[in-house]
Amino acid sequence: MLVAALVVLNVGNLLTIAEGPPADWLLLSSESNPSTWWNSLLYLFVGLLLFAGGERVADPRGWRAAAVVACFLSLDEVALIHESYDDLPGGHLLAFGWVIPGAVIAVLVCLPLYGWFRGLDRGLRRELVGAAFVVLLGAVGFETLAGYYHDDHGSSRGYEAISTVEENLEMGGASLAVLSLVRWVRRPADDRQH
């Protein structure tokens, strides 16, 4: 299902790039559209799976805190909270104003979760690091690149191509987290750590 959703979203995106309006709402670079809603659902699934994981361990606090973070990411995806920071002074340092404050907030949120994260099963920890890397490569790396490209060239096929990579990385990383957590939650209790 995860792959099928990505394929459908990308077909709509490619057809829109090729044909142009009136179907701009299918562009992966647009907000408040099917790809935004899908990514929000993926983060919500991650949050629900983290809550479920917390029900299967002796100390659920870290799991619950991580679940709250994932649910906030789901909300942010549809409410466009981070985009409201695009006009901060110095915002074009990394193409979008939310990147630096977002990085500071991410560090401040993740530091208290470090102990919980270190106590996770090594396999799950590696998979979640991989998923987070893929999401961040898209959300920070390729979104910054897309912002610079947009500043120089406007909305063009080149911009849409970079944004397509960015959004696919974000959705792909969130999908990897969902799959990793589903596997972990489904494991027998005596085969899980933390």
N, C-alpha and C. Protein backbone atom coordinates (compact mmCIF):
# COMPACT_ATOMS: atom_id res chain seq x y z
N MET A 1 0.81 -1.19 0.00
CA MET A 1 0.00 0.00 0.00
C MET A 1 0.86 1.26 0.00
N LEU A 2 1.96 1.27 0.78
CA LEU A 2 2.81 2.45 0.84
C LEU A 2 3.43 2.77 -0.51
N VAL A 3 3.91 1.75 -1.19
CA VAL A 3 4.51 1.94 -2.52
C VAL A 3 3.44 2.37 -3.52
N ALA A 4 2.27 1.74 -3.46
CA ALA A 4 1.20 2.09 -4.39
C ALA A 4 0.80 3.56 -4.23
N ALA A 5 0.72 4.04 -3.00
CA ALA A 5 0.37 5.45 -2.77
C ALA A 5 1.43 6.37 -3.37
N LEU A 6 2.70 6.03 -3.18
CA LEU A 6 3.77 6.84 -3.76
C LEU A 6 3.70 6.85 -5.28
N VAL A 7 3.40 5.70 -5.86
CA VAL A 7 3.30 5.62 -7.33
C VAL A 7 2.15 6.49 -7.83
N VAL A 8 0.99 6.39 -7.20
CA VAL A 8 -0.17 7.18 -7.63
C VAL A 8 0.12 8.68 -7.50
N LEU A 9 0.70 9.09 -6.38
CA LEU A 9 1.02 10.50 -6.18
C LEU A 9 2.02 10.99 -7.22
N ASN A 10 3.01 10.15 -7.55
CA ASN A 10 4.01 10.55 -8.54
C ASN A 10 3.45 10.59 -9.95
N VAL A 11 2.54 9.70 -10.28
CA VAL A 11 1.92 9.74 -11.61
C VAL A 11 1.12 11.04 -11.75
N GLY A 12 0.33 11.39 -10.73
CA GLY A 12 -0.40 12.65 -10.76
C GLY A 12 0.53 13.84 -10.88
N ASN A 13 1.64 13.80 -10.15
CA ASN A 13 2.63 14.86 -10.20
C ASN A 13 3.23 15.00 -11.60
N LEU A 14 3.64 13.89 -12.19
CA LEU A 14 4.26 13.93 -13.52
C LEU A 14 3.28 14.39 -14.59
N LEU A 15 2.03 13.93 -14.51
CA LEU A 15 1.03 14.38 -15.47
C LEU A 15 0.78 15.88 -15.34
N THR A 16 0.77 16.37 -14.12
CA THR A 16 0.56 17.80 -13.90
C THR A 16 1.74 18.62 -14.42
N ILE A 17 2.96 18.14 -14.19
CA ILE A 17 4.14 18.85 -14.71
C ILE A 17 4.07 18.90 -16.24
N ALA A 18 3.69 17.80 -16.84
CA ALA A 18 3.64 17.73 -18.31
C ALA A 18 2.49 18.56 -18.88
N GLU A 19 1.34 18.54 -18.22
CA GLU A 19 0.15 19.20 -18.77
C GLU A 19 -0.09 20.60 -18.21
N GLY A 20 0.41 20.88 -17.00
CA GLY A 20 0.18 22.18 -16.40
C GLY A 20 -1.20 22.31 -15.80
N PRO A 21 -1.62 23.56 -15.52
CA PRO A 21 -2.95 23.78 -14.92
C PRO A 21 -4.02 23.14 -15.78
N PRO A 22 -5.16 22.78 -15.24
CA PRO A 22 -5.73 23.20 -13.97
C PRO A 22 -5.46 22.24 -12.81
N ALA A 23 -4.64 21.25 -12.97
CA ALA A 23 -4.45 20.23 -11.92
C ALA A 23 -3.22 20.50 -11.06
N ASP A 24 -2.87 21.78 -10.84
CA ASP A 24 -1.69 22.10 -10.04
C ASP A 24 -1.75 21.54 -8.62
N TRP A 25 -2.94 21.27 -8.12
CA TRP A 25 -3.06 20.75 -6.77
C TRP A 25 -2.50 19.33 -6.65
N LEU A 26 -2.18 18.69 -7.78
CA LEU A 26 -1.56 17.36 -7.74
C LEU A 26 -0.04 17.44 -7.68
N LEU A 27 0.53 18.63 -7.83
CA LEU A 27 1.99 18.76 -7.76
C LEU A 27 2.46 18.40 -6.36
N LEU A 28 3.53 17.62 -6.28
CA LEU A 28 4.08 17.28 -4.97
C LEU A 28 4.59 18.52 -4.25
N SER A 29 4.97 19.55 -4.99
CA SER A 29 5.49 20.77 -4.37
C SER A 29 4.38 21.64 -3.79
N SER A 30 3.14 21.38 -4.12
CA SER A 30 2.03 22.17 -3.59
C SER A 30 1.71 21.73 -2.16
N GLU A 31 1.02 22.60 -1.46
CA GLU A 31 0.57 22.28 -0.10
C GLU A 31 -0.93 22.04 -0.13
N SER A 32 -1.45 21.46 0.93
CA SER A 32 -2.88 21.19 1.07
C SER A 32 -3.42 20.40 -0.12
N ASN A 33 -2.77 19.29 -0.40
CA ASN A 33 -3.16 18.44 -1.53
C ASN A 33 -2.98 16.98 -1.13
N PRO A 34 -3.25 16.05 -2.04
CA PRO A 34 -3.16 14.62 -1.67
C PRO A 34 -1.79 14.20 -1.12
N SER A 35 -0.70 14.72 -1.66
CA SER A 35 0.62 14.31 -1.14
C SER A 35 0.84 14.85 0.27
N THR A 36 0.34 16.04 0.55
CA THR A 36 0.45 16.59 1.91
C THR A 36 -0.36 15.75 2.87
N TRP A 37 -1.58 15.39 2.47
CA TRP A 37 -2.43 14.59 3.35
C TRP A 37 -1.83 13.20 3.58
N TRP A 38 -1.25 12.62 2.53
CA TRP A 38 -0.63 11.30 2.67
C TRP A 38 0.55 11.37 3.63
N ASN A 39 1.40 12.38 3.47
CA ASN A 39 2.55 12.50 4.35
C ASN A 39 2.09 12.73 5.79
N SER A 40 1.04 13.51 5.97
CA SER A 40 0.49 13.71 7.31
C SER A 40 0.01 12.39 7.90
N LEU A 41 -0.68 11.59 7.10
CA LEU A 41 -1.12 10.27 7.56
C LEU A 41 0.05 9.38 7.94
N LEU A 42 1.12 9.44 7.15
CA LEU A 42 2.30 8.63 7.47
C LEU A 42 2.87 9.00 8.84
N TYR A 43 3.01 10.31 9.10
CA TYR A 43 3.51 10.74 10.42
C TYR A 43 2.54 10.35 11.53
N LEU A 44 1.24 10.42 11.24
CA LEU A 44 0.25 9.98 12.23
C LEU A 44 0.39 8.48 12.50
N PHE A 45 0.58 7.68 11.45
CA PHE A 45 0.82 6.24 11.62
C PHE A 45 2.05 6.01 12.49
N VAL A 46 3.12 6.76 12.23
CA VAL A 46 4.33 6.64 13.06
C VAL A 46 3.97 6.92 14.51
N GLY A 47 3.24 8.01 14.75
CA GLY A 47 2.85 8.34 16.12
C GLY A 47 2.02 7.25 16.78
N LEU A 48 1.04 6.73 16.06
CA LEU A 48 0.21 5.66 16.62
C LEU A 48 1.02 4.40 16.90
N LEU A 49 1.94 4.09 16.01
CA LEU A 49 2.79 2.91 16.23
C LEU A 49 3.73 3.12 17.41
N LEU A 50 4.21 4.33 17.61
CA LEU A 50 5.04 4.61 18.79
C LEU A 50 4.21 4.48 20.07
N PHE A 51 2.98 4.98 20.05
CA PHE A 51 2.09 4.77 21.21
C PHE A 51 1.90 3.28 21.46
N ALA A 52 1.66 2.52 20.40
CA ALA A 52 1.49 1.07 20.53
C ALA A 52 2.75 0.42 21.08
N GLY A 53 3.90 0.87 20.62
CA GLY A 53 5.16 0.34 21.13
C GLY A 53 5.32 0.60 22.62
N GLY A 54 4.86 1.77 23.06
CA GLY A 54 4.93 2.10 24.48
C GLY A 54 4.06 1.21 25.35
N GLU A 55 3.02 0.65 24.77
CA GLU A 55 2.15 -0.26 25.52
C GLU A 55 2.80 -1.62 25.72
N ARG A 56 3.89 -1.88 25.05
CA ARG A 56 4.53 -3.20 25.09
C ARG A 56 5.83 -3.22 25.86
N VAL A 57 6.11 -2.13 26.57
CA VAL A 57 7.36 -2.05 27.34
C VAL A 57 7.06 -1.64 28.78
N ALA A 58 8.03 -1.86 29.65
CA ALA A 58 7.83 -1.53 31.06
C ALA A 58 7.74 -0.03 31.30
N ASP A 59 8.55 0.76 30.60
CA ASP A 59 8.55 2.21 30.78
C ASP A 59 8.17 2.88 29.45
N PRO A 60 6.92 3.28 29.30
CA PRO A 60 6.45 3.81 28.02
C PRO A 60 6.73 5.29 27.79
N ARG A 61 7.35 5.99 28.75
CA ARG A 61 7.46 7.45 28.65
C ARG A 61 8.18 7.91 27.39
N GLY A 62 9.30 7.32 27.05
CA GLY A 62 10.03 7.72 25.85
C GLY A 62 9.24 7.45 24.58
N TRP A 63 8.57 6.31 24.56
CA TRP A 63 7.73 5.96 23.41
C TRP A 63 6.61 6.98 23.24
N ARG A 64 5.99 7.35 24.35
CA ARG A 64 4.88 8.31 24.28
C ARG A 64 5.38 9.70 23.85
N ALA A 65 6.53 10.10 24.37
CA ALA A 65 7.08 11.40 23.98
C ALA A 65 7.41 11.42 22.48
N ALA A 66 8.02 10.35 21.99
CA ALA A 66 8.32 10.26 20.56
C ALA A 66 7.04 10.25 19.74
N ALA A 67 5.99 9.61 20.26
CA ALA A 67 4.70 9.57 19.57
C ALA A 67 4.11 10.98 19.46
N VAL A 68 4.24 11.76 20.52
CA VAL A 68 3.73 13.14 20.49
C VAL A 68 4.47 13.94 19.42
N VAL A 69 5.79 13.76 19.33
CA VAL A 69 6.57 14.46 18.30
C VAL A 69 6.09 14.07 16.91
N ALA A 70 5.89 12.78 16.66
CA ALA A 70 5.42 12.32 15.36
C ALA A 70 4.03 12.88 15.04
N CYS A 71 3.16 12.91 16.04
CA CYS A 71 1.81 13.46 15.82
C CYS A 71 1.88 14.97 15.54
N PHE A 72 2.82 15.67 16.19
CA PHE A 72 2.99 17.09 15.87
C PHE A 72 3.47 17.26 14.43
N LEU A 73 4.38 16.40 13.97
CA LEU A 73 4.83 16.46 12.57
C LEU A 73 3.65 16.25 11.62
N SER A 74 2.74 15.36 12.00
CA SER A 74 1.54 15.13 11.20
C SER A 74 0.70 16.41 11.12
N LEU A 75 0.49 17.04 12.26
CA LEU A 75 -0.26 18.29 12.31
C LEU A 75 0.44 19.38 11.51
N ASP A 76 1.75 19.50 11.68
CA ASP A 76 2.52 20.51 10.96
C ASP A 76 2.40 20.34 9.46
N GLU A 77 2.36 19.12 9.01
CA GLU A 77 2.28 18.85 7.57
C GLU A 77 1.01 19.45 6.97
N VAL A 78 -0.12 19.32 7.65
CA VAL A 78 -1.37 19.85 7.10
C VAL A 78 -1.65 21.29 7.52
N ALA A 79 -1.16 21.72 8.67
CA ALA A 79 -1.42 23.08 9.15
C ALA A 79 -0.35 24.06 8.67
N LEU A 80 0.70 23.57 8.04
CA LEU A 80 1.76 24.42 7.47
C LEU A 80 2.42 25.31 8.53
N ILE A 81 2.61 24.78 9.73
CA ILE A 81 3.16 25.57 10.82
C ILE A 81 4.57 26.05 10.47
N HIS A 82 5.43 25.15 10.00
CA HIS A 82 6.81 25.57 9.74
C HIS A 82 6.91 26.58 8.61
N GLU A 83 5.97 26.57 7.66
CA GLU A 83 5.99 27.55 6.58
C GLU A 83 5.70 28.96 7.08
N SER A 84 5.08 29.08 8.24
CA SER A 84 4.78 30.42 8.77
C SER A 84 6.06 31.14 9.21
N TYR A 85 7.17 30.42 9.26
CA TYR A 85 8.45 31.02 9.65
C TYR A 85 9.33 31.37 8.45
N ASP A 86 8.81 31.26 7.25
CA ASP A 86 9.60 31.53 6.04
C ASP A 86 10.07 32.97 5.95
N ASP A 87 9.36 33.90 6.57
CA ASP A 87 9.70 35.32 6.43
C ASP A 87 10.55 35.85 7.59
N LEU A 88 11.13 34.97 8.37
CA LEU A 88 12.00 35.43 9.46
C LEU A 88 13.21 36.16 8.88
N PRO A 89 13.76 37.11 9.63
CA PRO A 89 14.98 37.78 9.15
C PRO A 89 16.09 36.76 8.91
N GLY A 90 16.80 36.93 7.83
CA GLY A 90 17.86 35.98 7.47
C GLY A 90 17.32 34.69 6.92
N GLY A 91 16.05 34.68 6.56
CA GLY A 91 15.39 33.46 6.11
C GLY A 91 16.01 32.85 4.88
N HIS A 92 16.66 33.66 4.06
CA HIS A 92 17.24 33.10 2.84
C HIS A 92 18.64 32.53 3.04
N LEU A 93 19.12 32.54 4.29
CA LEU A 93 20.41 31.92 4.56
C LEU A 93 20.40 30.47 4.10
N LEU A 94 19.32 29.77 4.37
CA LEU A 94 19.15 28.40 3.90
C LEU A 94 17.91 28.28 3.04
N ALA A 95 17.57 29.33 2.33
CA ALA A 95 16.47 29.41 1.36
C ALA A 95 15.11 29.56 2.03
N PHE A 96 14.88 28.95 3.17
CA PHE A 96 13.60 29.09 3.85
C PHE A 96 13.86 29.48 5.31
N GLY A 97 13.06 30.42 5.82
CA GLY A 97 13.27 30.94 7.16
C GLY A 97 13.07 29.94 8.27
N TRP A 98 12.37 28.84 8.01
CA TRP A 98 12.08 27.88 9.07
C TRP A 98 13.23 26.93 9.33
N VAL A 99 14.23 26.86 8.45
CA VAL A 99 15.26 25.82 8.56
C VAL A 99 16.07 25.96 9.85
N ILE A 100 16.59 27.15 10.14
CA ILE A 100 17.44 27.31 11.34
C ILE A 100 16.60 27.20 12.62
N PRO A 101 15.48 27.93 12.75
CA PRO A 101 14.69 27.72 13.97
C PRO A 101 14.20 26.28 14.10
N GLY A 102 13.85 25.67 12.97
CA GLY A 102 13.41 24.28 12.99
C GLY A 102 14.50 23.34 13.48
N ALA A 103 15.73 23.59 13.05
CA ALA A 103 16.86 22.75 13.49
C ALA A 103 17.09 22.92 15.00
N VAL A 104 17.00 24.15 15.49
CA VAL A 104 17.18 24.39 16.93
C VAL A 104 16.07 23.68 17.72
N ILE A 105 14.84 23.82 17.27
CA ILE A 105 13.71 23.17 17.96
C ILE A 105 13.88 21.65 17.92
N ALA A 106 14.31 21.12 16.77
CA ALA A 106 14.50 19.66 16.64
C ALA A 106 15.53 19.16 17.64
N VAL A 107 16.63 19.89 17.78
CA VAL A 107 17.67 19.48 18.74
C VAL A 107 17.10 19.54 20.16
N LEU A 108 16.40 20.61 20.49
CA LEU A 108 15.85 20.75 21.84
C LEU A 108 14.81 19.68 22.15
N VAL A 109 14.06 19.24 21.15
CA VAL A 109 13.06 18.19 21.35
C VAL A 109 13.73 16.82 21.42
N CYS A 110 14.74 16.62 20.59
CA CYS A 110 15.37 15.29 20.51
C CYS A 110 16.33 14.99 21.66
N LEU A 111 16.94 16.00 22.24
CA LEU A 111 17.88 15.75 23.34
C LEU A 111 17.25 14.95 24.49
N PRO A 112 16.06 15.32 24.96
CA PRO A 112 15.46 14.52 26.04
C PRO A 112 15.11 13.09 25.62
N LEU A 113 14.96 12.85 24.32
CA LEU A 113 14.62 11.51 23.83
C LEU A 113 15.85 10.64 23.60
N TYR A 114 17.03 11.20 23.76
CA TYR A 114 18.26 10.47 23.44
C TYR A 114 18.41 9.19 24.28
N GLY A 115 18.14 9.27 25.57
CA GLY A 115 18.26 8.08 26.43
C GLY A 115 17.31 6.98 25.99
N TRP A 116 16.07 7.34 25.70
CA TRP A 116 15.10 6.37 25.20
C TRP A 116 15.60 5.75 23.90
N PHE A 117 16.06 6.60 23.00
CA PHE A 117 16.51 6.13 21.69
C PHE A 117 17.69 5.17 21.82
N ARG A 118 18.65 5.48 22.69
CA ARG A 118 19.83 4.61 22.89
C ARG A 118 19.41 3.25 23.45
N GLY A 119 18.33 3.20 24.18
CA GLY A 119 17.87 1.94 24.77
C GLY A 119 17.05 1.06 23.83
N LEU A 120 16.76 1.57 22.64
CA LEU A 120 15.99 0.77 21.68
C LEU A 120 16.79 -0.42 21.17
N ASP A 121 16.07 -1.40 20.72
CA ASP A 121 16.65 -2.53 20.02
C ASP A 121 17.57 -1.99 18.91
N ARG A 122 18.77 -2.56 18.79
CA ARG A 122 19.76 -2.04 17.84
C ARG A 122 19.23 -2.02 16.40
N GLY A 123 18.52 -3.06 16.01
CA GLY A 123 17.98 -3.10 14.65
C GLY A 123 16.95 -2.00 14.41
N LEU A 124 16.04 -1.83 15.36
CA LEU A 124 15.02 -0.78 15.23
C LEU A 124 15.70 0.60 15.23
N ARG A 125 16.67 0.77 16.12
CA ARG A 125 17.38 2.06 16.18
C ARG A 125 18.04 2.38 14.84
N ARG A 126 18.71 1.41 14.24
CA ARG A 126 19.34 1.63 12.93
C ARG A 126 18.31 1.98 11.87
N GLU A 127 17.20 1.26 11.86
CA GLU A 127 16.16 1.53 10.86
C GLU A 127 15.55 2.92 11.05
N LEU A 128 15.33 3.34 12.28
CA LEU A 128 14.77 4.67 12.52
C LEU A 128 15.77 5.77 12.18
N VAL A 129 17.05 5.53 12.43
CA VAL A 129 18.07 6.50 12.02
C VAL A 129 18.07 6.62 10.50
N GLY A 130 17.99 5.50 9.81
CA GLY A 130 17.94 5.53 8.34
C GLY A 130 16.72 6.28 7.84
N ALA A 131 15.56 6.01 8.44
CA ALA A 131 14.33 6.69 8.05
C ALA A 131 14.44 8.19 8.31
N ALA A 132 14.95 8.57 9.48
CA ALA A 132 15.11 10.00 9.80
C ALA A 132 16.09 10.67 8.84
N PHE A 133 17.17 9.97 8.49
CA PHE A 133 18.13 10.54 7.54
C PHE A 133 17.46 10.82 6.20
N VAL A 134 16.66 9.88 5.72
CA VAL A 134 15.98 10.07 4.43
C VAL A 134 14.99 11.24 4.51
N VAL A 135 14.22 11.33 5.59
CA VAL A 135 13.28 12.44 5.76
C VAL A 135 14.04 13.77 5.78
N LEU A 136 15.10 13.84 6.58
CA LEU A 136 15.85 15.10 6.71
C LEU A 136 16.59 15.47 5.42
N LEU A 137 17.06 14.48 4.69
CA LEU A 137 17.69 14.75 3.41
C LEU A 137 16.70 15.47 2.49
N GLY A 138 15.45 15.03 2.52
CA GLY A 138 14.41 15.69 1.72
C GLY A 138 13.97 17.01 2.33
N ALA A 139 13.59 16.99 3.63
CA ALA A 139 12.99 18.15 4.27
C ALA A 139 13.95 19.32 4.42
N VAL A 140 15.20 19.05 4.64
CA VAL A 140 16.17 20.14 4.80
C VAL A 140 17.05 20.27 3.55
N GLY A 141 17.68 19.18 3.15
CA GLY A 141 18.62 19.24 2.02
C GLY A 141 17.97 19.63 0.71
N PHE A 142 17.03 18.83 0.25
CA PHE A 142 16.43 19.09 -1.06
C PHE A 142 15.45 20.26 -1.03
N GLU A 143 14.80 20.50 0.12
CA GLU A 143 13.92 21.67 0.19
C GLU A 143 14.74 22.95 0.12
N THR A 144 15.93 22.96 0.74
CA THR A 144 16.81 24.12 0.64
C THR A 144 17.27 24.30 -0.80
N LEU A 145 17.67 23.22 -1.44
CA LEU A 145 18.08 23.28 -2.84
C LEU A 145 16.93 23.79 -3.72
N ALA A 146 15.73 23.29 -3.49
CA ALA A 146 14.56 23.74 -4.25
C ALA A 146 14.30 25.22 -4.01
N GLY A 147 14.48 25.68 -2.78
CA GLY A 147 14.29 27.10 -2.48
C GLY A 147 15.26 27.98 -3.24
N TYR A 148 16.53 27.60 -3.24
CA TYR A 148 17.52 28.36 -4.01
C TYR A 148 17.18 28.35 -5.49
N TYR A 149 16.82 27.20 -6.01
CA TYR A 149 16.48 27.10 -7.43
C TYR A 149 15.26 27.98 -7.75
N HIS A 150 14.28 27.95 -6.88
CA HIS A 150 13.07 28.75 -7.08
C HIS A 150 13.40 30.24 -7.06
N ASP A 151 14.29 30.66 -6.15
CA ASP A 151 14.68 32.07 -6.09
C ASP A 151 15.31 32.53 -7.41
N ASP A 152 16.07 31.65 -8.05
CA ASP A 152 16.76 32.02 -9.30
C ASP A 152 15.91 31.79 -10.55
N HIS A 153 15.04 30.79 -10.54
CA HIS A 153 14.34 30.39 -11.76
C HIS A 153 12.82 30.40 -11.64
N GLY A 154 12.28 30.65 -10.45
CA GLY A 154 10.83 30.62 -10.28
C GLY A 154 10.29 29.21 -10.36
N SER A 155 8.97 29.11 -10.43
CA SER A 155 8.33 27.79 -10.58
C SER A 155 8.55 27.31 -12.01
N SER A 156 9.34 26.28 -12.14
CA SER A 156 9.68 25.75 -13.46
C SER A 156 9.74 24.24 -13.35
N ARG A 157 9.97 23.61 -14.45
CA ARG A 157 10.09 22.14 -14.41
C ARG A 157 11.29 21.70 -13.59
N GLY A 158 12.36 22.48 -13.63
CA GLY A 158 13.53 22.17 -12.80
C GLY A 158 13.19 22.22 -11.33
N TYR A 159 12.46 23.26 -10.93
CA TYR A 159 12.03 23.38 -9.54
C TYR A 159 11.12 22.20 -9.16
N GLU A 160 10.20 21.87 -10.05
CA GLU A 160 9.29 20.76 -9.77
C GLU A 160 10.05 19.44 -9.66
N ALA A 161 11.09 19.26 -10.46
CA ALA A 161 11.90 18.03 -10.38
C ALA A 161 12.59 17.93 -9.02
N ILE A 162 13.19 19.03 -8.57
CA ILE A 162 13.87 19.03 -7.26
C ILE A 162 12.84 18.79 -6.15
N SER A 163 11.69 19.46 -6.25
CA SER A 163 10.64 19.29 -5.24
C SER A 163 10.08 17.87 -5.23
N THR A 164 10.04 17.24 -6.41
CA THR A 164 9.58 15.85 -6.49
C THR A 164 10.52 14.94 -5.72
N VAL A 165 11.83 15.14 -5.89
CA VAL A 165 12.81 14.34 -5.13
C VAL A 165 12.63 14.60 -3.64
N GLU A 166 12.50 15.88 -3.28
CA GLU A 166 12.34 16.25 -1.87
C GLU A 166 11.13 15.56 -1.24
N GLU A 167 9.98 15.68 -1.87
CA GLU A 167 8.76 15.10 -1.31
C GLU A 167 8.82 13.57 -1.27
N ASN A 168 9.42 12.97 -2.29
CA ASN A 168 9.57 11.51 -2.28
C ASN A 168 10.49 11.05 -1.16
N LEU A 169 11.54 11.80 -0.88
CA LEU A 169 12.42 11.45 0.23
C LEU A 169 11.66 11.55 1.55
N GLU A 170 10.88 12.61 1.72
CA GLU A 170 10.11 12.76 2.96
C GLU A 170 9.10 11.62 3.12
N MET A 171 8.34 11.34 2.07
CA MET A 171 7.34 10.27 2.15
C MET A 171 8.01 8.90 2.26
N GLY A 172 9.12 8.72 1.57
CA GLY A 172 9.85 7.45 1.64
C GLY A 172 10.41 7.20 3.02
N GLY A 173 11.01 8.23 3.63
CA GLY A 173 11.55 8.08 4.98
C GLY A 173 10.46 7.80 6.01
N ALA A 174 9.34 8.50 5.89
CA ALA A 174 8.22 8.25 6.81
C ALA A 174 7.67 6.83 6.61
N SER A 175 7.64 6.38 5.36
CA SER A 175 7.19 5.01 5.07
C SER A 175 8.14 3.98 5.69
N LEU A 176 9.44 4.24 5.60
CA LEU A 176 10.42 3.34 6.23
C LEU A 176 10.20 3.27 7.74
N ALA A 177 9.92 4.41 8.37
CA ALA A 177 9.66 4.40 9.81
C ALA A 177 8.41 3.59 10.13
N VAL A 178 7.36 3.76 9.33
CA VAL A 178 6.13 2.98 9.53
C VAL A 178 6.44 1.49 9.44
N LEU A 179 7.13 1.08 8.39
CA LEU A 179 7.44 -0.34 8.21
C LEU A 179 8.29 -0.89 9.35
N SER A 180 9.29 -0.13 9.79
CA SER A 180 10.15 -0.57 10.89
C SER A 180 9.36 -0.74 12.17
N LEU A 181 8.50 0.22 12.47
CA LEU A 181 7.71 0.15 13.70
C LEU A 181 6.66 -0.95 13.64
N VAL A 182 6.06 -1.17 12.48
CA VAL A 182 5.10 -2.27 12.34
C VAL A 182 5.81 -3.59 12.63
N ARG A 183 6.98 -3.77 12.06
CA ARG A 183 7.73 -5.02 12.31
C ARG A 183 8.06 -5.18 13.79
N TRP A 184 8.47 -4.10 14.44
CA TRP A 184 8.86 -4.17 15.84
C TRP A 184 7.64 -4.48 16.71
N VAL A 185 6.53 -3.78 16.47
CA VAL A 185 5.33 -3.98 17.29
C VAL A 185 4.78 -5.40 17.12
N ARG A 186 4.93 -5.98 15.95
CA ARG A 186 4.41 -7.32 15.69
C ARG A 186 5.31 -8.42 16.23
N ARG A 187 6.55 -8.10 16.64
CA ARG A 187 7.44 -9.13 17.17
C ARG A 187 6.93 -9.66 18.50
N PRO A 188 7.22 -10.90 18.79
CA PRO A 188 6.83 -11.44 20.10
C PRO A 188 7.48 -10.64 21.22
N ALA A 189 6.79 -10.52 22.35
CA ALA A 189 7.25 -9.69 23.46
C ALA A 189 8.64 -10.07 23.94
N ASP A 190 8.97 -11.35 23.98
CA ASP A 190 10.29 -11.76 24.48
C ASP A 190 11.40 -11.49 23.46
N ASP A 191 11.05 -11.04 22.28
CA ASP A 191 12.04 -10.75 21.24
C ASP A 191 12.27 -9.25 21.09
N ARG A 192 11.64 -8.43 21.95
CA ARG A 192 11.78 -6.97 21.89
C ARG A 192 12.61 -6.48 23.05
N GLN A 193 13.29 -5.35 22.82
CA GLN A 193 13.99 -4.67 23.89
C GLN A 193 13.34 -3.32 24.10
N HIS A 194 13.52 -2.76 25.28
CA HIS A 194 13.10 -1.41 25.66
C HIS A 194 11.69 -1.21 25.26
